Every structure is written in C-alpha cells, then in structure tokens.
Amino acid sequence: MSNHTYDTLTHENAAMLLIDHQVGTMNFGIADLDALHLKNQTLWLAEAARIFNMPVVLTTSNPDGANGPLFPELITACPGAPIINRLIINAWNDVNFVEAVKKTGRKKLIMAGVTADVCLTFPAIGATRDGYDVYAVMDASGTVNAHALQAAMFRMNQAGVKIANTNMVIAEILADWSSPFGAPLGKLYSERLTSFGFIAAHLSHQAKLTQ
C-alpha cells in the first residue's frame, strides 16, 4: 500500500520526465501501440509542459548505438530542457539524471518512457522509493507486447506508482478552462486529439468570453 496521500497535480508542483523516446526505441520492437500514436502522445505531454511552464528532463539510453537520438520534434518542444545521455539501464541509477530531477525542485513526477516495462518501470519505482509521487503515463510509453504492458502496470502499482494517461494528467493540471492556460491548451487538444479538440477549443473560447 502506498504511503502517498492524494494531492492534485498542478503546474507548480510537478515536473515532466520523458525517458528514451529515441528514433530507434520508438520504431523497433514496440507492439502494444503504433509509433505514430506513441509519438503524438509524447509530444502532447511535452507541449503541454511548455504551456504550463513546467520543468522537463529528457534522457536517452545509448544514443550513439542502435537506439539513436531523441526524435527531433521532442527536442524542439522542450527548449532548454536538460538531456541526460546514459548507458545505465535504470535512469534512476544514473547520478546525473537524478541530480537533474532534484534541480527541478518538484516532488511530483510525471513520467513516460520507452519501453514501459524497463525504461519507465525501473525509474518510476526508484523515484517512488525515494519519496517522490510518480505518475506513470502509459499511452506515451510503448513496449514489446500486451503482457509486458500489464506486467509493468501491475509492478508499478504494487510499488505505489500512480498509473495515468496523457489526457488525465493534462486535464488535472489545467483544472479550469477559464485559466490563462485554457486557450493554448484548447488549441493543443485540437492538434493532438482532434475528436475532442473541437470541444476543448470551444470551451476555452467560451471561457475567454466570460472573463
């Protein structure tokens, strides 16, 4: 059972950690969701973090090998974010990565990673053990098959990690369409979740009219 009490995610108490969303890892071996969807969800998180002015930490695994670099649109979406290159499998065992997280000053960590059962699960459990409140975003975290995805979610949940998805964490942080974030988030929804984006854009427009 987790020792964490529930506190709402806000743009002032959370940091975004995006782990190993690389050209190679995004396209080879991911079977539980297609690469285009995975890329879209990852960019949705990154672009929302930029709108919220939240700290972001990026990391890669063996970028000079088959995994390749981070996909360039992600770097563009996170200007100034530190990129921690490593060979250590578990990012939470990398001193430079943990130090970058500490520098954010945030105790709530929104994490996504490829693969979900390794790149995400291990640091999510490690950070939870060390007192962070971790939200694992599963639809921005692909893996090798459905069994691996289930195993990752069960293991993280047993360790006290909160299982989440992209829309959930963004909506929780936004909280109110009449906030200054409403209009840019409505536009982002229109770009990243077209079916709901029309509604989101309308809500943000209506909120502006009532201000």
C-alpha atoms as a PDB file:
ATOM      1  CA  MET A   1       0.000   0.000   0.000  1.00  0.00           C
ATOM      2  CA  SER A   2       1.345   3.440  -0.931  1.00  0.00           C
ATOM      3  CA  ASN A   3       2.281   5.935   1.785  1.00  0.00           C
ATOM      4  CA  HIS A   4       1.413   8.839  -0.522  1.00  0.00           C
ATOM      5  CA  THR A   5      -1.669  10.913   0.140  1.00  0.00           C
ATOM      6  CA  TYR A   6      -3.513  12.345  -2.825  1.00  0.00           C
ATOM      7  CA  ASP A   7      -2.722  15.907  -3.832  1.00  0.00           C
ATOM      8  CA  THR A   8      -3.835  17.345  -7.146  1.00  0.00           C
ATOM      9  CA  LEU A   9      -1.233  17.790  -9.855  1.00  0.00           C
ATOM     10  CA  THR A  10      -0.545  21.441 -10.634  1.00  0.00           C
ATOM     11  CA  HIS A  11       1.837  23.290 -12.929  1.00  0.00           C
ATOM     12  CA  GLU A  12       3.660  24.447  -9.788  1.00  0.00           C
ATOM     13  CA  ASN A  13       4.232  21.099  -8.066  1.00  0.00           C
ATOM     14  CA  ALA A  14       5.071  18.704 -10.926  1.00  0.00           C
ATOM     15  CA  ALA A  15       7.922  18.033 -13.338  1.00  0.00           C
ATOM     16  CA  MET A  16       7.820  16.102 -16.621  1.00  0.00           C
ATOM     17  CA  LEU A  17      10.344  13.292 -17.203  1.00  0.00           C
ATOM     18  CA  LEU A  18      10.452  11.792 -20.709  1.00  0.00           C
ATOM     19  CA  ILE A  19      12.658   8.725 -20.877  1.00  0.00           C
ATOM     20  CA  ASP A  20      14.269   7.229 -24.004  1.00  0.00           C
ATOM     21  CA  HIS A  21      11.857   8.450 -26.683  1.00  0.00           C
ATOM     22  CA  GLN A  22      14.526   7.882 -29.323  1.00  0.00           C
ATOM     23  CA  VAL A  23      14.398   7.312 -33.049  1.00  0.00           C
ATOM     24  CA  GLY A  24      15.328   3.641 -32.632  1.00  0.00           C
ATOM     25  CA  THR A  25      13.362   2.796 -29.490  1.00  0.00           C
ATOM     26  CA  MET A  26      10.194   4.410 -30.868  1.00  0.00           C
ATOM     27  CA  ASN A  27      10.205   2.376 -34.079  1.00  0.00           C
ATOM     28  CA  PHE A  28      11.671  -1.047 -33.320  1.00  0.00           C
ATOM     29  CA  GLY A  29      10.078  -3.635 -31.049  1.00  0.00           C
ATOM     30  CA  ILE A  30       7.084  -1.562 -29.894  1.00  0.00           C
ATOM     31  CA  ALA A  31       3.993  -3.699 -30.442  1.00  0.00           C
ATOM     32  CA  ASP A  32       1.282  -2.580 -27.997  1.00  0.00           C
ATOM     33  CA  LEU A  33       0.623   0.708 -29.839  1.00  0.00           C
ATOM     34  CA  ASP A  34       1.770   2.162 -33.128  1.00  0.00           C
ATOM     35  CA  ALA A  35       4.758   4.511 -33.322  1.00  0.00           C
ATOM     36  CA  LEU A  36       2.683   7.419 -34.661  1.00  0.00           C
ATOM     37  CA  HIS A  37       0.327   7.303 -31.673  1.00  0.00           C
ATOM     38  CA  LEU A  38       3.246   6.986 -29.260  1.00  0.00           C
ATOM     39  CA  LYS A  39       4.961   9.983 -30.824  1.00  0.00           C
ATOM     40  CA  ASN A  40       1.758  12.039 -30.738  1.00  0.00           C
ATOM     41  CA  GLN A  41       1.150  11.353 -27.049  1.00  0.00           C
ATOM     42  CA  THR A  42       4.767  12.139 -26.154  1.00  0.00           C
ATOM     43  CA  LEU A  43       4.650  15.461 -27.991  1.00  0.00           C
ATOM     44  CA  TRP A  44       1.291  16.227 -26.385  1.00  0.00           C
ATOM     45  CA  LEU A  45       2.898  15.843 -22.948  1.00  0.00           C
ATOM     46  CA  ALA A  46       5.960  17.880 -23.909  1.00  0.00           C
ATOM     47  CA  GLU A  47       3.976  20.702 -25.493  1.00  0.00           C
ATOM     48  CA  ALA A  48       1.572  20.836 -22.548  1.00  0.00           C
ATOM     49  CA  ALA A  49       4.526  21.072 -20.162  1.00  0.00           C
ATOM     50  CA  ARG A  50       5.815  24.015 -22.183  1.00  0.00           C
ATOM     51  CA  ILE A  51       2.432  25.769 -21.996  1.00  0.00           C
ATOM     52  CA  PHE A  52       2.314  25.165 -18.245  1.00  0.00           C
ATOM     53  CA  ASN A  53       5.940  26.341 -17.914  1.00  0.00           C
ATOM     54  CA  MET A  54       6.766  23.116 -16.090  1.00  0.00           C
ATOM     55  CA  PRO A  55      10.327  21.803 -15.798  1.00  0.00           C
ATOM     56  CA  VAL A  56      11.161  18.946 -18.171  1.00  0.00           C
ATOM     57  CA  VAL A  57      14.027  16.449 -18.042  1.00  0.00           C
ATOM     58  CA  LEU A  58      14.863  14.317 -21.088  1.00  0.00           C
ATOM     59  CA  THR A  59      17.106  11.267 -21.138  1.00  0.00           C
ATOM     60  CA  THR A  60      18.438   8.770 -23.667  1.00  0.00           C
ATOM     61  CA  SER A  61      19.786   5.254 -23.470  1.00  0.00           C
ATOM     62  CA  ASN A  62      22.884   4.543 -25.593  1.00  0.00           C
ATOM     63  CA  PRO A  63      22.152   7.311 -28.142  1.00  0.00           C
ATOM     64  CA  ASP A  64      25.305   6.506 -30.129  1.00  0.00           C
ATOM     65  CA  GLY A  65      24.113   2.949 -30.728  1.00  0.00           C
ATOM     66  CA  ALA A  66      21.029   1.418 -32.321  1.00  0.00           C
ATOM     67  CA  ASN A  67      18.659   3.398 -30.092  1.00  0.00           C
ATOM     68  CA  GLY A  68      19.685   6.597 -31.831  1.00  0.00           C
ATOM     69  CA  PRO A  69      18.987  10.182 -30.683  1.00  0.00           C
ATOM     70  CA  LEU A  70      15.786  11.641 -29.300  1.00  0.00           C
ATOM     71  CA  PHE A  71      13.373  12.340 -32.108  1.00  0.00           C
ATOM     72  CA  PRO A  72      13.963  15.973 -33.127  1.00  0.00           C
ATOM     73  CA  GLU A  73      10.401  17.249 -32.633  1.00  0.00           C
ATOM     74  CA  LEU A  74      10.673  16.361 -28.949  1.00  0.00           C
ATOM     75  CA  ILE A  75      13.820  18.424 -28.522  1.00  0.00           C
ATOM     76  CA  THR A  76      12.130  21.344 -30.296  1.00  0.00           C
ATOM     77  CA  ALA A  77       9.123  21.043 -27.982  1.00  0.00           C
ATOM     78  CA  CYS A  78      11.358  21.255 -24.881  1.00  0.00           C
ATOM     79  CA  PRO A  79      13.766  24.164 -25.424  1.00  0.00           C
ATOM     80  CA  GLY A  80      16.362  24.357 -22.690  1.00  0.00           C
ATOM     81  CA  ALA A  81      15.439  21.024 -21.115  1.00  0.00           C
ATOM     82  CA  PRO A  82      18.478  19.026 -19.962  1.00  0.00           C
ATOM     83  CA  ILE A  83      19.169  15.864 -21.968  1.00  0.00           C
ATOM     84  CA  ILE A  84      20.915  13.178 -19.918  1.00  0.00           C
ATOM     85  CA  ASN A  85      22.681  10.615 -22.106  1.00  0.00           C
ATOM     86  CA  ARG A  86      23.470   7.365 -20.326  1.00  0.00           C
ATOM     87  CA  LEU A  87      24.385   3.694 -20.656  1.00  0.00           C
ATOM     88  CA  ILE A  88      22.890   2.686 -17.295  1.00  0.00           C
ATOM     89  CA  ILE A  89      19.615   0.835 -17.917  1.00  0.00           C
ATOM     90  CA  ASN A  90      17.698   2.253 -14.961  1.00  0.00           C
ATOM     91  CA  ALA A  91      17.712   6.050 -15.321  1.00  0.00           C
ATOM     92  CA  TRP A  92      17.169   6.398 -11.569  1.00  0.00           C
ATOM     93  CA  ASN A  93      20.566   4.760 -11.015  1.00  0.00           C
ATOM     94  CA  ASP A  94      22.223   7.498 -13.084  1.00  0.00           C
ATOM     95  CA  VAL A  95      23.546  10.240 -10.797  1.00  0.00           C
ATOM     96  CA  ASN A  96      23.271  12.921 -13.482  1.00  0.00           C
ATOM     97  CA  PHE A  97      19.615  12.131 -14.181  1.00  0.00           C
ATOM     98  CA  VAL A  98      18.657  12.135 -10.504  1.00  0.00           C
ATOM     99  CA  GLU A  99      20.525  15.394  -9.985  1.00  0.00           C
ATOM    100  CA  ALA A 100      18.639  16.984 -12.902  1.00  0.00           C
ATOM    101  CA  VAL A 101      15.359  15.867 -11.313  1.00  0.00           C
ATOM    102  CA  LYS A 102      16.361  17.299  -7.924  1.00  0.00           C
ATOM    103  CA  LYS A 103      17.167  20.637  -9.565  1.00  0.00           C
ATOM    104  CA  THR A 104      13.536  20.959 -10.677  1.00  0.00           C
ATOM    105  CA  GLY A 105      12.549  21.297  -7.021  1.00  0.00           C
ATOM    106  CA  ARG A 106       9.405  19.257  -7.674  1.00  0.00           C
ATOM    107  CA  LYS A 107       8.249  16.202  -5.716  1.00  0.00           C
ATOM    108  CA  LYS A 108       5.553  15.102  -8.166  1.00  0.00           C
ATOM    109  CA  LEU A 109       6.980  13.461 -11.270  1.00  0.00           C
ATOM    110  CA  ILE A 110       5.029  12.775 -14.447  1.00  0.00           C
ATOM    111  CA  MET A 111       6.967  10.033 -16.247  1.00  0.00           C
ATOM    112  CA  ALA A 112       6.728   8.352 -19.629  1.00  0.00           C
ATOM    113  CA  GLY A 113       9.297   6.041 -21.187  1.00  0.00           C
ATOM    114  CA  VAL A 114      10.081   3.538 -23.902  1.00  0.00           C
ATOM    115  CA  THR A 115       9.951   0.697 -23.117  1.00  0.00           C
ATOM    116  CA  ALA A 116       7.254   0.829 -20.447  1.00  0.00           C
ATOM    117  CA  ASP A 117       8.432  -2.311 -18.672  1.00  0.00           C
ATOM    118  CA  VAL A 118      12.060  -1.191 -18.373  1.00  0.00           C
ATOM    119  CA  CYS A 119      12.723   2.473 -19.206  1.00  0.00           C
ATOM    120  CA  LEU A 120       9.628   3.619 -17.302  1.00  0.00           C
ATOM    121  CA  THR A 121       9.058   0.969 -14.640  1.00  0.00           C
ATOM    122  CA  PHE A 122      12.513   0.939 -13.056  1.00  0.00           C
ATOM    123  CA  PRO A 123      12.943   4.713 -12.518  1.00  0.00           C
ATOM    124  CA  ALA A 124       9.283   5.101 -11.526  1.00  0.00           C
ATOM    125  CA  ILE A 125       9.739   2.537  -8.751  1.00  0.00           C
ATOM    126  CA  GLY A 126      13.091   4.020  -7.734  1.00  0.00           C
ATOM    127  CA  ALA A 127      11.738   7.556  -7.503  1.00  0.00           C
ATOM    128  CA  THR A 128       8.709   6.367  -5.504  1.00  0.00           C
ATOM    129  CA  ARG A 129      11.019   4.552  -3.097  1.00  0.00           C
ATOM    130  CA  ASP A 130      12.928   7.814  -2.607  1.00  0.00           C
ATOM    131  CA  GLY A 131       9.826   9.774  -1.662  1.00  0.00           C
ATOM    132  CA  TYR A 132       8.604  11.184  -4.983  1.00  0.00           C
ATOM    133  CA  ASP A 133       4.978  10.984  -6.043  1.00  0.00           C
ATOM    134  CA  VAL A 134       5.161   9.396  -9.508  1.00  0.00           C
ATOM    135  CA  TYR A 135       2.536   9.373 -12.254  1.00  0.00           C
ATOM    136  CA  ALA A 136       3.329   6.823 -14.998  1.00  0.00           C
ATOM    137  CA  VAL A 137       1.781   7.883 -18.324  1.00  0.00           C
ATOM    138  CA  MET A 138       1.067   4.634 -20.114  1.00  0.00           C
ATOM    139  CA  ASP A 139      -0.145   5.868 -23.504  1.00  0.00           C
ATOM    140  CA  ALA A 140       3.186   7.659 -24.035  1.00  0.00           C
ATOM    141  CA  SER A 141       5.105   4.529 -23.007  1.00  0.00           C
ATOM    142  CA  GLY A 142       5.149   1.726 -25.567  1.00  0.00           C
ATOM    143  CA  THR A 143       6.515  -1.766 -25.035  1.00  0.00           C
ATOM    144  CA  VAL A 144       7.031  -5.146 -26.700  1.00  0.00           C
ATOM    145  CA  ASN A 145       3.585  -6.731 -26.167  1.00  0.00           C
ATOM    146  CA  ALA A 146       0.381  -6.527 -24.128  1.00  0.00           C
ATOM    147  CA  HIS A 147       1.729  -8.911 -21.486  1.00  0.00           C
ATOM    148  CA  ALA A 148       4.722  -6.638 -20.875  1.00  0.00           C
ATOM    149  CA  LEU A 149       2.414  -3.642 -20.546  1.00  0.00           C
ATOM    150  CA  GLN A 150       0.253  -5.409 -17.964  1.00  0.00           C
ATOM    151  CA  ALA A 151       3.293  -6.591 -16.010  1.00  0.00           C
ATOM    152  CA  ALA A 152       4.697  -3.041 -15.969  1.00  0.00           C
ATOM    153  CA  MET A 153       1.454  -1.524 -14.683  1.00  0.00           C
ATOM    154  CA  PHE A 154       0.967  -4.197 -12.004  1.00  0.00           C
ATOM    155  CA  ARG A 155       4.550  -3.909 -10.760  1.00  0.00           C
ATOM    156  CA  MET A 156       4.492  -0.103 -10.635  1.00  0.00           C
ATOM    157  CA  ASN A 157       1.100  -0.078  -8.933  1.00  0.00           C
ATOM    158  CA  GLN A 158       2.343  -2.515  -6.293  1.00  0.00           C
ATOM    159  CA  ALA A 159       5.209  -0.104  -5.570  1.00  0.00           C
ATOM    160  CA  GLY A 160       2.902   2.903  -5.164  1.00  0.00           C
ATOM    161  CA  VAL A 161       3.263   4.481  -8.603  1.00  0.00           C
ATOM    162  CA  LYS A 162       0.083   6.138  -9.903  1.00  0.00           C
ATOM    163  CA  ILE A 163      -0.964   4.760 -13.312  1.00  0.00           C
ATOM    164  CA  ALA A 164      -2.164   7.526 -15.633  1.00  0.00           C
ATOM    165  CA  ASN A 165      -2.614   8.593 -19.239  1.00  0.00           C
ATOM    166  CA  THR A 166      -1.832  11.758 -21.176  1.00  0.00           C
ATOM    167  CA  ASN A 167      -5.294  13.316 -21.185  1.00  0.00           C
ATOM    168  CA  MET A 168      -5.703  12.598 -17.469  1.00  0.00           C
ATOM    169  CA  VAL A 169      -2.606  14.441 -16.273  1.00  0.00           C
ATOM    170  CA  ILE A 170      -3.055  17.420 -18.624  1.00  0.00           C
ATOM    171  CA  ALA A 171      -6.701  17.873 -17.653  1.00  0.00           C
ATOM    172  CA  GLU A 172      -5.849  17.576 -13.962  1.00  0.00           C
ATOM    173  CA  ILE A 173      -3.223  20.309 -14.221  1.00  0.00           C
ATOM    174  CA  LEU A 174      -5.441  22.559 -16.358  1.00  0.00           C
ATOM    175  CA  ALA A 175      -8.355  22.204 -13.887  1.00  0.00           C
ATOM    176  CA  ASP A 176     -10.288  25.203 -15.265  1.00  0.00           C
ATOM    177  CA  TRP A 177     -10.835  26.262 -18.892  1.00  0.00           C
ATOM    178  CA  SER A 178     -11.064  29.893 -17.757  1.00  0.00           C
ATOM    179  CA  SER A 179      -7.437  29.849 -16.586  1.00  0.00           C
ATOM    180  CA  PRO A 180      -4.737  31.532 -18.711  1.00  0.00           C
ATOM    181  CA  PHE A 181      -3.783  28.047 -19.907  1.00  0.00           C
ATOM    182  CA  GLY A 182      -7.255  27.342 -21.321  1.00  0.00           C
ATOM    183  CA  ALA A 183      -6.866  28.890 -24.772  1.00  0.00           C
ATOM    184  CA  PRO A 184      -3.433  27.436 -25.630  1.00  0.00           C
ATOM    185  CA  LEU A 185      -4.470  24.048 -24.227  1.00  0.00           C
ATOM    186  CA  GLY A 186      -7.642  24.121 -26.324  1.00  0.00           C
ATOM    187  CA  LYS A 187      -5.505  24.683 -29.402  1.00  0.00           C
ATOM    188  CA  LEU A 188      -3.166  21.869 -28.372  1.00  0.00           C
ATOM    189  CA  TYR A 189      -6.093  19.484 -27.882  1.00  0.00           C
ATOM    190  CA  SER A 190      -7.276  20.372 -31.385  1.00  0.00           C
ATOM    191  CA  GLU A 191      -3.869  19.367 -32.742  1.00  0.00           C
ATOM    192  CA  ARG A 192      -3.220  16.241 -30.680  1.00  0.00           C
ATOM    193  CA  LEU A 193      -6.713  14.841 -30.019  1.00  0.00           C
ATOM    194  CA  THR A 194      -8.759  16.072 -32.942  1.00  0.00           C
ATOM    195  CA  SER A 195     -12.026  14.365 -31.971  1.00  0.00           C
ATOM    196  CA  PHE A 196     -12.079  16.108 -28.591  1.00  0.00           C
ATOM    197  CA  GLY A 197     -10.124  19.132 -29.720  1.00  0.00           C
ATOM    198  CA  PHE A 198     -13.165  20.833 -31.232  1.00  0.00           C
ATOM    199  CA  ILE A 199     -14.916  20.670 -27.859  1.00  0.00           C
ATOM    200  CA  ALA A 200     -11.806  21.806 -25.985  1.00  0.00           C
ATOM    201  CA  ALA A 201     -11.303  24.763 -28.312  1.00  0.00           C
ATOM    202  CA  HIS A 202     -14.954  25.753 -27.855  1.00  0.00           C
ATOM    203  CA  LEU A 203     -14.682  25.511 -24.063  1.00  0.00           C
ATOM    204  CA  SER A 204     -11.560  27.681 -23.966  1.00  0.00           C
ATOM    205  CA  HIS A 205     -13.224  30.218 -26.275  1.00  0.00           C
ATOM    206  CA  GLN A 206     -16.345  30.364 -24.106  1.00  0.00           C
ATOM    207  CA  ALA A 207     -14.199  30.786 -21.003  1.00  0.00           C
ATOM    208  CA  LYS A 208     -12.418  33.749 -22.568  1.00  0.00           C
ATOM    209  CA  LEU A 209     -15.766  35.397 -23.371  1.00  0.00           C
ATOM    210  CA  THR A 210     -16.834  35.202 -19.726  1.00  0.00           C
ATOM    211  CA  GLN A 211     -13.624  36.704 -18.322  1.00  0.00           C
END
